[in-house]
Amino acid sequence: MNSSSPQIGFDRFIQLDWALLALRIRAGRGTLDELDAVLASSHSGPAAKKKTRTVLNRLWLEPRADLVDFADRGVEIFCDAPETTVPALIWGMALATYPFFGKVAEIVGRLTTLQGECTSAEVHRRMAEIFGEREGTRRMTNMVLQSQANWGAIERTDKGKRIARKEAMDLKGSAVAAWLAEACLLYSGRALPVMSIESSPTIYPFILGGSTAYLLSRSSRFEMRMDSAGVQVVGLESQQSNTALRT
């Protein structure tokens, strides 16, 4: 993972329509006044509003310098097909920006792979093993789970104790599918086997669609090669260099 990335950061419940409005603002289709009004009506005080705004700023309004180009290309995709790309764009930006969000997604994706469901206690236990057994870890994990549920990825039942994966959205090998694959690489911080991107638990709410190898080979954003074991590997330029140095 990028060492400059915030290690937790995603510490607020973010509704899909708030994130969509932030995306629309970056696309020139909304205003900050609209966002301020929406947040003012849904938050109990200025402190809570400010914390939510901070997360939205990092997602779309003021992304990290290394993610500005990535965010702008996401906006271009949104402008071309706004209705069908929103969930994948918001998920991908959260994945690239917040390692904590990505780790929760990865764990939920793995735990629900076989039976389609798991318990929230299992997710909390795995997150505590990584980030420490503290109240902040538990609370922020809940914020991510609540957000992912609101975004249509999971359903939480039994007072939030059980998590069921919803039907994945097929992106049909479109431009947003390649962009989401790039988000996987940004989250991982290294080159990955093509097949592992195709089945990555971090993007469990989506199916890239078609041949992933063909999809990625069509984009100049990716570099593909065969590793010493004959496995097809894909990465961004800096990731391929880092992988070569380690091997």
C-alpha atoms as a PDB file:
ATOM      1  CA  MET A   1       0.000   0.000   0.000  1.00  0.00           C
ATOM      2  CA  ASN A   2       1.085   3.572  -0.579  1.00  0.00           C
ATOM      3  CA  SER A   3       2.849   4.782   2.563  1.00  0.00           C
ATOM      4  CA  SER A   4       1.266   8.226   2.120  1.00  0.00           C
ATOM      5  CA  SER A   5      -2.221   6.742   2.321  1.00  0.00           C
ATOM      6  CA  PRO A   6      -4.190   7.288   5.512  1.00  0.00           C
ATOM      7  CA  GLN A   7      -4.193   4.029   7.489  1.00  0.00           C
ATOM      8  CA  ILE A   8      -7.791   4.381   8.660  1.00  0.00           C
ATOM      9  CA  GLY A   9      -9.373   7.652   7.553  1.00  0.00           C
ATOM     10  CA  PHE A  10     -12.717   6.228   6.449  1.00  0.00           C
ATOM     11  CA  ASP A  11     -14.258   6.885   9.852  1.00  0.00           C
ATOM     12  CA  ARG A  12     -17.726   8.067   8.881  1.00  0.00           C
ATOM     13  CA  PHE A  13     -20.881   6.527   7.459  1.00  0.00           C
ATOM     14  CA  ILE A  14     -21.118   7.796   3.886  1.00  0.00           C
ATOM     15  CA  GLN A  15     -24.432   7.583   2.073  1.00  0.00           C
ATOM     16  CA  LEU A  16     -24.318   6.784  -1.612  1.00  0.00           C
ATOM     17  CA  ASP A  17     -26.154   9.984  -2.540  1.00  0.00           C
ATOM     18  CA  TRP A  18     -23.617  12.112  -0.619  1.00  0.00           C
ATOM     19  CA  ALA A  19     -20.733  10.495  -2.487  1.00  0.00           C
ATOM     20  CA  LEU A  20     -22.640  10.851  -5.758  1.00  0.00           C
ATOM     21  CA  LEU A  21     -23.161  14.563  -5.120  1.00  0.00           C
ATOM     22  CA  ALA A  22     -19.418  14.979  -4.475  1.00  0.00           C
ATOM     23  CA  LEU A  23     -18.745  13.186  -7.766  1.00  0.00           C
ATOM     24  CA  ARG A  24     -21.254  15.420  -9.556  1.00  0.00           C
ATOM     25  CA  ILE A  25     -19.547  18.506  -8.124  1.00  0.00           C
ATOM     26  CA  ARG A  26     -16.169  17.369  -9.457  1.00  0.00           C
ATOM     27  CA  ALA A  27     -17.865  16.805 -12.813  1.00  0.00           C
ATOM     28  CA  GLY A  28     -19.259  20.351 -12.788  1.00  0.00           C
ATOM     29  CA  ARG A  29     -22.821  19.129 -12.341  1.00  0.00           C
ATOM     30  CA  GLY A  30     -23.370  20.201  -8.751  1.00  0.00           C
ATOM     31  CA  THR A  31     -22.281  22.849  -6.258  1.00  0.00           C
ATOM     32  CA  LEU A  32     -20.643  22.912  -2.847  1.00  0.00           C
ATOM     33  CA  ASP A  33     -23.654  24.827  -1.563  1.00  0.00           C
ATOM     34  CA  GLU A  34     -25.846  21.857  -2.458  1.00  0.00           C
ATOM     35  CA  LEU A  35     -23.545  19.505  -0.586  1.00  0.00           C
ATOM     36  CA  ASP A  36     -23.394  21.777   2.456  1.00  0.00           C
ATOM     37  CA  ALA A  37     -27.187  21.936   2.540  1.00  0.00           C
ATOM     38  CA  VAL A  38     -27.536  18.150   2.298  1.00  0.00           C
ATOM     39  CA  LEU A  39     -24.987  17.519   5.036  1.00  0.00           C
ATOM     40  CA  ALA A  40     -26.445  20.230   7.283  1.00  0.00           C
ATOM     41  CA  SER A  41     -29.875  18.589   7.079  1.00  0.00           C
ATOM     42  CA  SER A  42     -28.551  15.104   7.876  1.00  0.00           C
ATOM     43  CA  HIS A  43     -25.987  15.808  10.609  1.00  0.00           C
ATOM     44  CA  SER A  44     -26.534  16.735  14.243  1.00  0.00           C
ATOM     45  CA  GLY A  45     -23.845  19.403  14.431  1.00  0.00           C
ATOM     46  CA  PRO A  46     -20.950  21.153  12.700  1.00  0.00           C
ATOM     47  CA  ALA A  47     -18.327  18.689  14.009  1.00  0.00           C
ATOM     48  CA  ALA A  48     -20.111  15.661  12.535  1.00  0.00           C
ATOM     49  CA  LYS A  49     -20.678  17.506   9.261  1.00  0.00           C
ATOM     50  CA  LYS A  50     -17.009  18.489   9.063  1.00  0.00           C
ATOM     51  CA  LYS A  51     -15.829  14.890   9.548  1.00  0.00           C
ATOM     52  CA  THR A  52     -18.130  13.612   6.812  1.00  0.00           C
ATOM     53  CA  ARG A  53     -17.037  16.413   4.512  1.00  0.00           C
ATOM     54  CA  THR A  54     -13.402  15.420   5.104  1.00  0.00           C
ATOM     55  CA  VAL A  55     -14.084  11.905   3.816  1.00  0.00           C
ATOM     56  CA  LEU A  56     -15.959  13.262   0.785  1.00  0.00           C
ATOM     57  CA  ASN A  57     -13.137  15.707   0.083  1.00  0.00           C
ATOM     58  CA  ARG A  58     -10.614  12.887  -0.058  1.00  0.00           C
ATOM     59  CA  LEU A  59     -12.885  10.786  -2.233  1.00  0.00           C
ATOM     60  CA  TRP A  60     -13.722  13.309  -4.957  1.00  0.00           C
ATOM     61  CA  LEU A  61     -13.425  16.975  -4.078  1.00  0.00           C
ATOM     62  CA  GLU A  62      -9.767  17.129  -3.005  1.00  0.00           C
ATOM     63  CA  PRO A  63      -8.140  13.743  -3.723  1.00  0.00           C
ATOM     64  CA  ARG A  64      -4.506  13.079  -2.868  1.00  0.00           C
ATOM     65  CA  ALA A  65      -2.065  14.403  -5.460  1.00  0.00           C
ATOM     66  CA  ASP A  66      -1.211  10.900  -6.657  1.00  0.00           C
ATOM     67  CA  LEU A  67      -4.912  10.163  -7.245  1.00  0.00           C
ATOM     68  CA  VAL A  68      -5.983  13.356  -9.045  1.00  0.00           C
ATOM     69  CA  ASP A  69      -5.546  11.880 -12.515  1.00  0.00           C
ATOM     70  CA  PHE A  70      -7.308   8.671 -11.449  1.00  0.00           C
ATOM     71  CA  ALA A  71     -10.235  10.687 -10.072  1.00  0.00           C
ATOM     72  CA  ASP A  72     -10.453  12.844 -13.199  1.00  0.00           C
ATOM     73  CA  ARG A  73     -10.600   9.776 -15.430  1.00  0.00           C
ATOM     74  CA  GLY A  74     -13.373   8.449 -13.212  1.00  0.00           C
ATOM     75  CA  VAL A  75     -15.261  11.701 -13.773  1.00  0.00           C
ATOM     76  CA  GLU A  76     -14.888  11.273 -17.547  1.00  0.00           C
ATOM     77  CA  ILE A  77     -16.403   7.808 -17.303  1.00  0.00           C
ATOM     78  CA  PHE A  78     -19.240   9.178 -15.176  1.00  0.00           C
ATOM     79  CA  CYS A  79     -20.003  11.891 -17.719  1.00  0.00           C
ATOM     80  CA  ASP A  80     -20.217   9.308 -20.506  1.00  0.00           C
ATOM     81  CA  ALA A  81     -22.482   6.887 -18.617  1.00  0.00           C
ATOM     82  CA  PRO A  82     -23.649   8.410 -15.334  1.00  0.00           C
ATOM     83  CA  GLU A  83     -26.456   6.016 -14.430  1.00  0.00           C
ATOM     84  CA  THR A  84     -24.608   2.711 -14.784  1.00  0.00           C
ATOM     85  CA  THR A  85     -21.201   3.616 -13.404  1.00  0.00           C
ATOM     86  CA  VAL A  86     -21.875   5.351 -10.081  1.00  0.00           C
ATOM     87  CA  PRO A  87     -21.574   2.376  -7.667  1.00  0.00           C
ATOM     88  CA  ALA A  88     -18.329   1.123  -9.252  1.00  0.00           C
ATOM     89  CA  LEU A  89     -16.811   4.622  -9.377  1.00  0.00           C
ATOM     90  CA  ILE A  90     -17.533   5.382  -5.751  1.00  0.00           C
ATOM     91  CA  TRP A  91     -16.324   1.943  -4.672  1.00  0.00           C
ATOM     92  CA  GLY A  92     -13.141   2.253  -6.726  1.00  0.00           C
ATOM     93  CA  MET A  93     -12.305   5.702  -5.384  1.00  0.00           C
ATOM     94  CA  ALA A  94     -12.822   4.538  -1.800  1.00  0.00           C
ATOM     95  CA  LEU A  95     -10.649   1.495  -2.499  1.00  0.00           C
ATOM     96  CA  ALA A  96      -7.811   3.571  -3.968  1.00  0.00           C
ATOM     97  CA  THR A  97      -8.010   6.279  -1.285  1.00  0.00           C
ATOM     98  CA  TYR A  98      -8.582   4.369   1.928  1.00  0.00           C
ATOM     99  CA  PRO A  99      -6.646   1.157   2.722  1.00  0.00           C
ATOM    100  CA  PHE A 100      -8.963   0.618   5.706  1.00  0.00           C
ATOM    101  CA  PHE A 101     -12.015   0.579   3.421  1.00  0.00           C
ATOM    102  CA  GLY A 102     -10.186  -1.789   1.097  1.00  0.00           C
ATOM    103  CA  LYS A 103      -9.263  -4.170   3.904  1.00  0.00           C
ATOM    104  CA  VAL A 104     -12.878  -4.386   5.117  1.00  0.00           C
ATOM    105  CA  ALA A 105     -13.990  -5.045   1.533  1.00  0.00           C
ATOM    106  CA  GLU A 106     -11.297  -7.695   1.119  1.00  0.00           C
ATOM    107  CA  ILE A 107     -12.319  -9.493   4.301  1.00  0.00           C
ATOM    108  CA  VAL A 108     -16.056  -9.362   3.538  1.00  0.00           C
ATOM    109  CA  GLY A 109     -15.360 -10.541  -0.001  1.00  0.00           C
ATOM    110  CA  ARG A 110     -13.310 -13.521   1.218  1.00  0.00           C
ATOM    111  CA  LEU A 111     -15.692 -14.528   3.990  1.00  0.00           C
ATOM    112  CA  THR A 112     -18.764 -14.429   1.727  1.00  0.00           C
ATOM    113  CA  THR A 113     -17.176 -16.142  -1.289  1.00  0.00           C
ATOM    114  CA  LEU A 114     -18.457 -19.653  -0.622  1.00  0.00           C
ATOM    115  CA  GLN A 115     -21.811 -19.259   1.119  1.00  0.00           C
ATOM    116  CA  GLY A 116     -22.643 -15.642   0.300  1.00  0.00           C
ATOM    117  CA  GLU A 117     -22.796 -14.575   3.930  1.00  0.00           C
ATOM    118  CA  CYS A 118     -20.803 -14.236   7.142  1.00  0.00           C
ATOM    119  CA  THR A 119     -21.133 -12.663  10.576  1.00  0.00           C
ATOM    120  CA  SER A 120     -20.025  -9.162  11.460  1.00  0.00           C
ATOM    121  CA  ALA A 121     -18.130 -10.680  14.393  1.00  0.00           C
ATOM    122  CA  GLU A 122     -15.884 -12.516  11.923  1.00  0.00           C
ATOM    123  CA  VAL A 123     -15.129  -9.262  10.101  1.00  0.00           C
ATOM    124  CA  HIS A 124     -14.382  -7.428  13.353  1.00  0.00           C
ATOM    125  CA  ARG A 125     -12.087 -10.214  14.516  1.00  0.00           C
ATOM    126  CA  ARG A 126     -10.056 -10.136  11.280  1.00  0.00           C
ATOM    127  CA  MET A 127      -9.810  -6.338  11.352  1.00  0.00           C
ATOM    128  CA  ALA A 128      -8.699  -6.366  15.005  1.00  0.00           C
ATOM    129  CA  GLU A 129      -5.917  -8.803  14.096  1.00  0.00           C
ATOM    130  CA  ILE A 130      -4.608  -6.278  11.560  1.00  0.00           C
ATOM    131  CA  PHE A 131      -5.304  -2.874  13.124  1.00  0.00           C
ATOM    132  CA  GLY A 132      -5.401  -3.772  16.798  1.00  0.00           C
ATOM    133  CA  GLU A 133      -8.093  -4.619  19.306  1.00  0.00           C
ATOM    134  CA  ARG A 134      -9.351  -1.128  20.092  1.00  0.00           C
ATOM    135  CA  GLU A 135     -12.677   0.661  20.041  1.00  0.00           C
ATOM    136  CA  GLY A 136     -11.662   2.854  17.123  1.00  0.00           C
ATOM    137  CA  THR A 137     -11.062  -0.154  14.903  1.00  0.00           C
ATOM    138  CA  ARG A 138     -14.455  -1.628  15.728  1.00  0.00           C
ATOM    139  CA  ARG A 139     -16.328   1.653  15.260  1.00  0.00           C
ATOM    140  CA  MET A 140     -14.663   2.451  11.939  1.00  0.00           C
ATOM    141  CA  THR A 141     -15.227  -1.073  10.658  1.00  0.00           C
ATOM    142  CA  ASN A 142     -18.905  -0.560  11.417  1.00  0.00           C
ATOM    143  CA  MET A 143     -18.845   2.737   9.495  1.00  0.00           C
ATOM    144  CA  VAL A 144     -17.459   0.960   6.426  1.00  0.00           C
ATOM    145  CA  LEU A 145     -19.933  -1.918   6.697  1.00  0.00           C
ATOM    146  CA  GLN A 146     -22.830   0.513   7.083  1.00  0.00           C
ATOM    147  CA  SER A 147     -21.629   2.430   4.024  1.00  0.00           C
ATOM    148  CA  GLN A 148     -21.191  -0.721   1.932  1.00  0.00           C
ATOM    149  CA  ALA A 149     -24.725  -1.757   2.861  1.00  0.00           C
ATOM    150  CA  ASN A 150     -26.074   1.646   1.840  1.00  0.00           C
ATOM    151  CA  TRP A 151     -24.196   1.370  -1.468  1.00  0.00           C
ATOM    152  CA  GLY A 152     -26.028  -1.866  -2.247  1.00  0.00           C
ATOM    153  CA  ALA A 153     -23.145  -4.316  -1.787  1.00  0.00           C
ATOM    154  CA  ILE A 154     -24.408  -6.180   1.270  1.00  0.00           C
ATOM    155  CA  GLU A 155     -27.485  -6.626   3.418  1.00  0.00           C
ATOM    156  CA  ARG A 156     -27.138  -6.566   7.202  1.00  0.00           C
ATOM    157  CA  THR A 157     -29.688  -8.601   9.166  1.00  0.00           C
ATOM    158  CA  ASP A 158     -30.245  -9.775  12.732  1.00  0.00           C
ATOM    159  CA  LYS A 159     -29.529  -6.272  14.058  1.00  0.00           C
ATOM    160  CA  GLY A 160     -26.371  -6.047  11.974  1.00  0.00           C
ATOM    161  CA  LYS A 161     -24.937  -9.338  13.232  1.00  0.00           C
ATOM    162  CA  ARG A 162     -25.153 -11.099   9.863  1.00  0.00           C
ATOM    163  CA  ILE A 163     -23.883  -9.931   6.487  1.00  0.00           C
ATOM    164  CA  ALA A 164     -25.215 -11.246   3.187  1.00  0.00           C
ATOM    165  CA  ARG A 165     -23.619 -10.418  -0.144  1.00  0.00           C
ATOM    166  CA  LYS A 166     -26.039  -9.009  -2.739  1.00  0.00           C
ATOM    167  CA  GLU A 167     -25.987  -9.904  -6.415  1.00  0.00           C
ATOM    168  CA  ALA A 168     -22.895  -8.535  -8.121  1.00  0.00           C
ATOM    169  CA  MET A 169     -23.175  -5.931 -10.888  1.00  0.00           C
ATOM    170  CA  ASP A 170     -21.768  -7.047 -14.243  1.00  0.00           C
ATOM    171  CA  LEU A 171     -19.669  -4.218 -15.698  1.00  0.00           C
ATOM    172  CA  LYS A 172     -19.478  -6.064 -19.051  1.00  0.00           C
ATOM    173  CA  GLY A 173     -15.868  -5.226 -19.810  1.00  0.00           C
ATOM    174  CA  SER A 174     -16.615  -1.508 -20.029  1.00  0.00           C
ATOM    175  CA  ALA A 175     -14.349   1.464 -19.330  1.00  0.00           C
ATOM    176  CA  VAL A 176     -15.406   1.504 -15.686  1.00  0.00           C
ATOM    177  CA  ALA A 177     -14.351  -2.159 -15.377  1.00  0.00           C
ATOM    178  CA  ALA A 178     -10.781  -1.296 -16.415  1.00  0.00           C
ATOM    179  CA  TRP A 179     -10.822   1.725 -14.083  1.00  0.00           C
ATOM    180  CA  LEU A 180     -11.974  -0.489 -11.194  1.00  0.00           C
ATOM    181  CA  ALA A 181      -9.186  -2.973 -11.966  1.00  0.00           C
ATOM    182  CA  GLU A 182      -6.773  -0.057 -11.676  1.00  0.00           C
ATOM    183  CA  ALA A 183      -8.260   0.726  -8.263  1.00  0.00           C
ATOM    184  CA  CYS A 184      -7.385  -2.837  -7.210  1.00  0.00           C
ATOM    185  CA  LEU A 185      -3.771  -2.257  -8.219  1.00  0.00           C
ATOM    186  CA  LEU A 186      -3.630   1.094  -6.457  1.00  0.00           C
ATOM    187  CA  TYR A 187      -4.944  -0.549  -3.294  1.00  0.00           C
ATOM    188  CA  SER A 188      -2.511  -3.465  -3.473  1.00  0.00           C
ATOM    189  CA  GLY A 189       0.475  -1.248  -4.288  1.00  0.00           C
ATOM    190  CA  ARG A 190       2.054  -3.959  -6.440  1.00  0.00           C
ATOM    191  CA  ALA A 191       1.628  -5.900  -9.655  1.00  0.00           C
ATOM    192  CA  LEU A 192      -0.822  -8.817  -9.477  1.00  0.00           C
ATOM    193  CA  PRO A 193      -1.645 -11.922 -11.492  1.00  0.00           C
ATOM    194  CA  VAL A 194      -4.412 -11.106 -13.965  1.00  0.00           C
ATOM    195  CA  MET A 195      -6.596 -13.905 -12.607  1.00  0.00           C
ATOM    196  CA  SER A 196      -6.371 -12.520  -9.066  1.00  0.00           C
ATOM    197  CA  ILE A 197      -7.785  -9.187 -10.218  1.00  0.00           C
ATOM    198  CA  GLU A 198     -10.637 -10.960 -11.968  1.00  0.00           C
ATOM    199  CA  SER A 199     -11.620 -12.668  -8.705  1.00  0.00           C
ATOM    200  CA  SER A 200     -10.388 -10.016  -6.265  1.00  0.00           C
ATOM    201  CA  PRO A 201     -12.440 -10.009  -3.041  1.00  0.00           C
ATOM    202  CA  THR A 202     -11.903  -6.241  -2.761  1.00  0.00           C
ATOM    203  CA  ILE A 203     -14.368  -5.694  -5.615  1.00  0.00           C
ATOM    204  CA  TYR A 204     -16.835  -8.407  -4.619  1.00  0.00           C
ATOM    205  CA  PRO A 205     -19.924  -6.313  -5.558  1.00  0.00           C
ATOM    206  CA  PHE A 206     -18.824  -6.273  -9.218  1.00  0.00           C
ATOM    207  CA  ILE A 207     -18.000  -8.578 -12.109  1.00  0.00           C
ATOM    208  CA  LEU A 208     -15.528  -7.045 -14.548  1.00  0.00           C
ATOM    209  CA  GLY A 209     -17.061  -9.014 -17.418  1.00  0.00           C
ATOM    210  CA  GLY A 210     -15.507 -10.568 -20.520  1.00  0.00           C
ATOM    211  CA  SER A 211     -11.825 -11.464 -20.692  1.00  0.00           C
ATOM    212  CA  THR A 212      -9.920  -9.537 -18.027  1.00  0.00           C
ATOM    213  CA  ALA A 213      -6.623 -10.044 -19.856  1.00  0.00           C
ATOM    214  CA  TYR A 214      -8.116  -8.558 -23.026  1.00  0.00           C
ATOM    215  CA  LEU A 215      -9.745  -5.715 -21.094  1.00  0.00           C
ATOM    216  CA  LEU A 216      -6.488  -4.708 -19.429  1.00  0.00           C
ATOM    217  CA  SER A 217      -4.380  -5.153 -22.567  1.00  0.00           C
ATOM    218  CA  ARG A 218      -6.476  -2.511 -24.321  1.00  0.00           C
ATOM    219  CA  SER A 219      -5.518   0.191 -21.808  1.00  0.00           C
ATOM    220  CA  SER A 220      -2.211   2.043 -21.803  1.00  0.00           C
ATOM    221  CA  ARG A 221      -2.544   2.374 -18.018  1.00  0.00           C
ATOM    222  CA  PHE A 222      -1.408  -1.209 -17.505  1.00  0.00           C
ATOM    223  CA  GLU A 223       1.785  -3.109 -18.145  1.00  0.00           C
ATOM    224  CA  MET A 224       1.449  -6.854 -18.660  1.00  0.00           C
ATOM    225  CA  ARG A 225       4.185  -9.474 -18.614  1.00  0.00           C
ATOM    226  CA  MET A 226       4.829 -13.123 -17.771  1.00  0.00           C
ATOM    227  CA  ASP A 227       6.610 -13.862 -14.496  1.00  0.00           C
ATOM    228  CA  SER A 228       9.237 -16.563 -13.973  1.00  0.00           C
ATOM    229  CA  ALA A 229       6.501 -19.160 -13.356  1.00  0.00           C
ATOM    230  CA  GLY A 230       4.723 -18.319 -16.608  1.00  0.00           C
ATOM    231  CA  VAL A 231       1.888 -16.457 -14.875  1.00  0.00           C
ATOM    232  CA  GLN A 232       0.504 -13.376 -16.597  1.00  0.00           C
ATOM    233  CA  VAL A 233       1.030 -10.390 -14.299  1.00  0.00           C
ATOM    234  CA  VAL A 234      -0.358  -6.874 -14.611  1.00  0.00           C
ATOM    235  CA  GLY A 235       0.596  -3.672 -12.857  1.00  0.00           C
ATOM    236  CA  LEU A 236       1.076   0.030 -13.215  1.00  0.00           C
ATOM    237  CA  GLU A 237       4.546   1.143 -14.329  1.00  0.00           C
ATOM    238  CA  SER A 238       5.954   1.775 -10.839  1.00  0.00           C
ATOM    239  CA  GLN A 239       4.428  -1.461  -9.544  1.00  0.00           C
ATOM    240  CA  GLN A 240       6.082  -3.544 -12.251  1.00  0.00           C
ATOM    241  CA  SER A 241       9.419  -1.991 -11.308  1.00  0.00           C
ATOM    242  CA  ASN A 242       8.896  -2.714  -7.633  1.00  0.00           C
ATOM    243  CA  THR A 243       7.871  -6.288  -8.348  1.00  0.00           C
ATOM    244  CA  ALA A 244      10.946  -6.821 -10.518  1.00  0.00           C
ATOM    245  CA  LEU A 245      13.164  -5.545  -7.714  1.00  0.00           C
ATOM    246  CA  ARG A 246      11.642  -7.986  -5.225  1.00  0.00           C
ATOM    247  CA  THR A 247      11.998 -10.971  -7.561  1.00  0.00           C
END
